[in-house]
């Protein structure tokens, strides 16, 4: 659970065999983000976090962790 004074978000970022990335927040109900490159991934995660806090006070982030994993072909 997120506290008002300490915002630490953890995202799992999967790089698929197609080269596409999917980011899923593991500790908050933030929309998943999909994109083709890391620059776009950064922008989409930032946008998703902003939408999550829309209409509420957004605490300054203490940390946003990205855990990268590769999707292995079945």
C-alpha atoms as a PDB file:
ATOM      1  CA  UNK A   1       0.000   0.000   0.000  1.00  0.00           C
ATOM      2  CA  UNK A   2       1.180   3.505  -0.780  1.00  0.00           C
ATOM      3  CA  UNK A   3       1.550   6.032   2.013  1.00  0.00           C
ATOM      4  CA  UNK A   4       0.985   9.753   1.525  1.00  0.00           C
ATOM      5  CA  UNK A   5       4.485  10.662   2.688  1.00  0.00           C
ATOM      6  CA  UNK A   6       6.492   8.013   0.860  1.00  0.00           C
ATOM      7  CA  UNK A   7       5.698   7.049  -2.701  1.00  0.00           C
ATOM      8  CA  UNK A   8       7.616   4.037  -3.946  1.00  0.00           C
ATOM      9  CA  UNK A   9       6.292   2.443  -7.118  1.00  0.00           C
ATOM     10  CA  UNK A  10       7.519  -0.869  -8.498  1.00  0.00           C
ATOM     11  CA  UNK A  11       6.992  -1.751 -12.158  1.00  0.00           C
ATOM     12  CA  UNK A  12       7.750  -5.049 -13.837  1.00  0.00           C
ATOM     13  CA  UNK A  13       8.906  -4.366 -17.392  1.00  0.00           C
ATOM     14  CA  UNK A  14       8.738  -7.307 -19.780  1.00  0.00           C
ATOM     15  CA  UNK A  15      10.569  -7.198 -23.089  1.00  0.00           C
ATOM     16  CA  UNK A  16       8.733  -9.517 -25.444  1.00  0.00           C
ATOM     17  CA  UNK A  17      10.361 -11.499 -28.255  1.00  0.00           C
ATOM     18  CA  UNK A  18       8.815  -8.986 -30.683  1.00  0.00           C
ATOM     19  CA  UNK A  19      10.835  -6.186 -29.030  1.00  0.00           C
ATOM     20  CA  UNK A  20       7.738  -4.629 -27.471  1.00  0.00           C
ATOM     21  CA  UNK A  21       7.770  -3.650 -23.779  1.00  0.00           C
ATOM     22  CA  UNK A  22       4.947  -4.026 -21.258  1.00  0.00           C
ATOM     23  CA  UNK A  23       5.153  -2.327 -17.854  1.00  0.00           C
ATOM     24  CA  UNK A  24       2.878  -3.365 -14.976  1.00  0.00           C
ATOM     25  CA  UNK A  25       2.829  -1.679 -11.586  1.00  0.00           C
ATOM     26  CA  UNK A  26       3.095  -4.299  -8.853  1.00  0.00           C
ATOM     27  CA  UNK A  27       2.061  -2.253  -5.817  1.00  0.00           C
ATOM     28  CA  UNK A  28      -0.628   0.152  -7.076  1.00  0.00           C
ATOM     29  CA  UNK A  29      -3.581  -0.014  -9.475  1.00  0.00           C
ATOM     30  CA  UNK A  30      -1.873   1.869 -12.263  1.00  0.00           C
ATOM     31  CA  UNK A  31      -2.755   1.044 -15.882  1.00  0.00           C
ATOM     32  CA  UNK A  32      -0.329  -1.187 -17.777  1.00  0.00           C
ATOM     33  CA  UNK A  33       1.799   0.505 -20.416  1.00  0.00           C
ATOM     34  CA  UNK A  34       2.839  -0.992 -23.771  1.00  0.00           C
ATOM     35  CA  UNK A  35       5.329   0.467 -26.230  1.00  0.00           C
ATOM     36  CA  UNK A  36       8.116  -0.267 -28.679  1.00  0.00           C
ATOM     37  CA  UNK A  37      11.057   1.594 -27.099  1.00  0.00           C
ATOM     38  CA  UNK A  38      12.344   2.710 -23.701  1.00  0.00           C
ATOM     39  CA  UNK A  39      11.858   6.434 -24.344  1.00  0.00           C
ATOM     40  CA  UNK A  40       8.161   5.847 -25.065  1.00  0.00           C
ATOM     41  CA  UNK A  41       7.966   3.526 -22.039  1.00  0.00           C
ATOM     42  CA  UNK A  42       9.190   6.326 -19.761  1.00  0.00           C
ATOM     43  CA  UNK A  43       6.583   8.741 -21.146  1.00  0.00           C
ATOM     44  CA  UNK A  44       3.754   6.190 -20.848  1.00  0.00           C
ATOM     45  CA  UNK A  45       4.634   5.246 -17.250  1.00  0.00           C
ATOM     46  CA  UNK A  46       4.783   8.939 -16.308  1.00  0.00           C
ATOM     47  CA  UNK A  47       1.387   9.524 -17.946  1.00  0.00           C
ATOM     48  CA  UNK A  48      -0.146   6.480 -16.210  1.00  0.00           C
ATOM     49  CA  UNK A  49       1.124   7.646 -12.803  1.00  0.00           C
ATOM     50  CA  UNK A  50      -0.248  11.152 -13.436  1.00  0.00           C
ATOM     51  CA  UNK A  51      -3.673   9.684 -14.355  1.00  0.00           C
ATOM     52  CA  UNK A  52      -3.624   7.495 -11.236  1.00  0.00           C
ATOM     53  CA  UNK A  53      -3.282  10.595  -9.032  1.00  0.00           C
ATOM     54  CA  UNK A  54      -5.648  12.791 -11.062  1.00  0.00           C
ATOM     55  CA  UNK A  55      -7.859  14.768  -8.674  1.00  0.00           C
ATOM     56  CA  UNK A  56      -5.760  13.774  -5.656  1.00  0.00           C
ATOM     57  CA  UNK A  57      -2.613  15.157  -4.106  1.00  0.00           C
ATOM     58  CA  UNK A  58       0.403  13.440  -5.630  1.00  0.00           C
ATOM     59  CA  UNK A  59       3.238  12.917  -3.158  1.00  0.00           C
ATOM     60  CA  UNK A  60       6.760  13.452  -4.442  1.00  0.00           C
ATOM     61  CA  UNK A  61       8.172  10.101  -5.501  1.00  0.00           C
ATOM     62  CA  UNK A  62      10.867   8.682  -3.318  1.00  0.00           C
ATOM     63  CA  UNK A  63      11.552   5.951  -5.861  1.00  0.00           C
ATOM     64  CA  UNK A  64      10.216   4.366  -9.013  1.00  0.00           C
ATOM     65  CA  UNK A  65      11.752   0.959  -9.599  1.00  0.00           C
ATOM     66  CA  UNK A  66      11.760  -0.760 -12.990  1.00  0.00           C
ATOM     67  CA  UNK A  67      12.476  -4.487 -12.947  1.00  0.00           C
ATOM     68  CA  UNK A  68      13.310  -5.690 -16.456  1.00  0.00           C
ATOM     69  CA  UNK A  69      12.626  -9.283 -17.510  1.00  0.00           C
ATOM     70  CA  UNK A  70      12.669 -10.925 -20.916  1.00  0.00           C
ATOM     71  CA  UNK A  71       9.724 -12.939 -22.111  1.00  0.00           C
ATOM     72  CA  UNK A  72      11.008 -16.358 -23.107  1.00  0.00           C
ATOM     73  CA  UNK A  73       9.469 -18.085 -26.110  1.00  0.00           C
ATOM     74  CA  UNK A  74       7.272 -21.041 -25.238  1.00  0.00           C
END
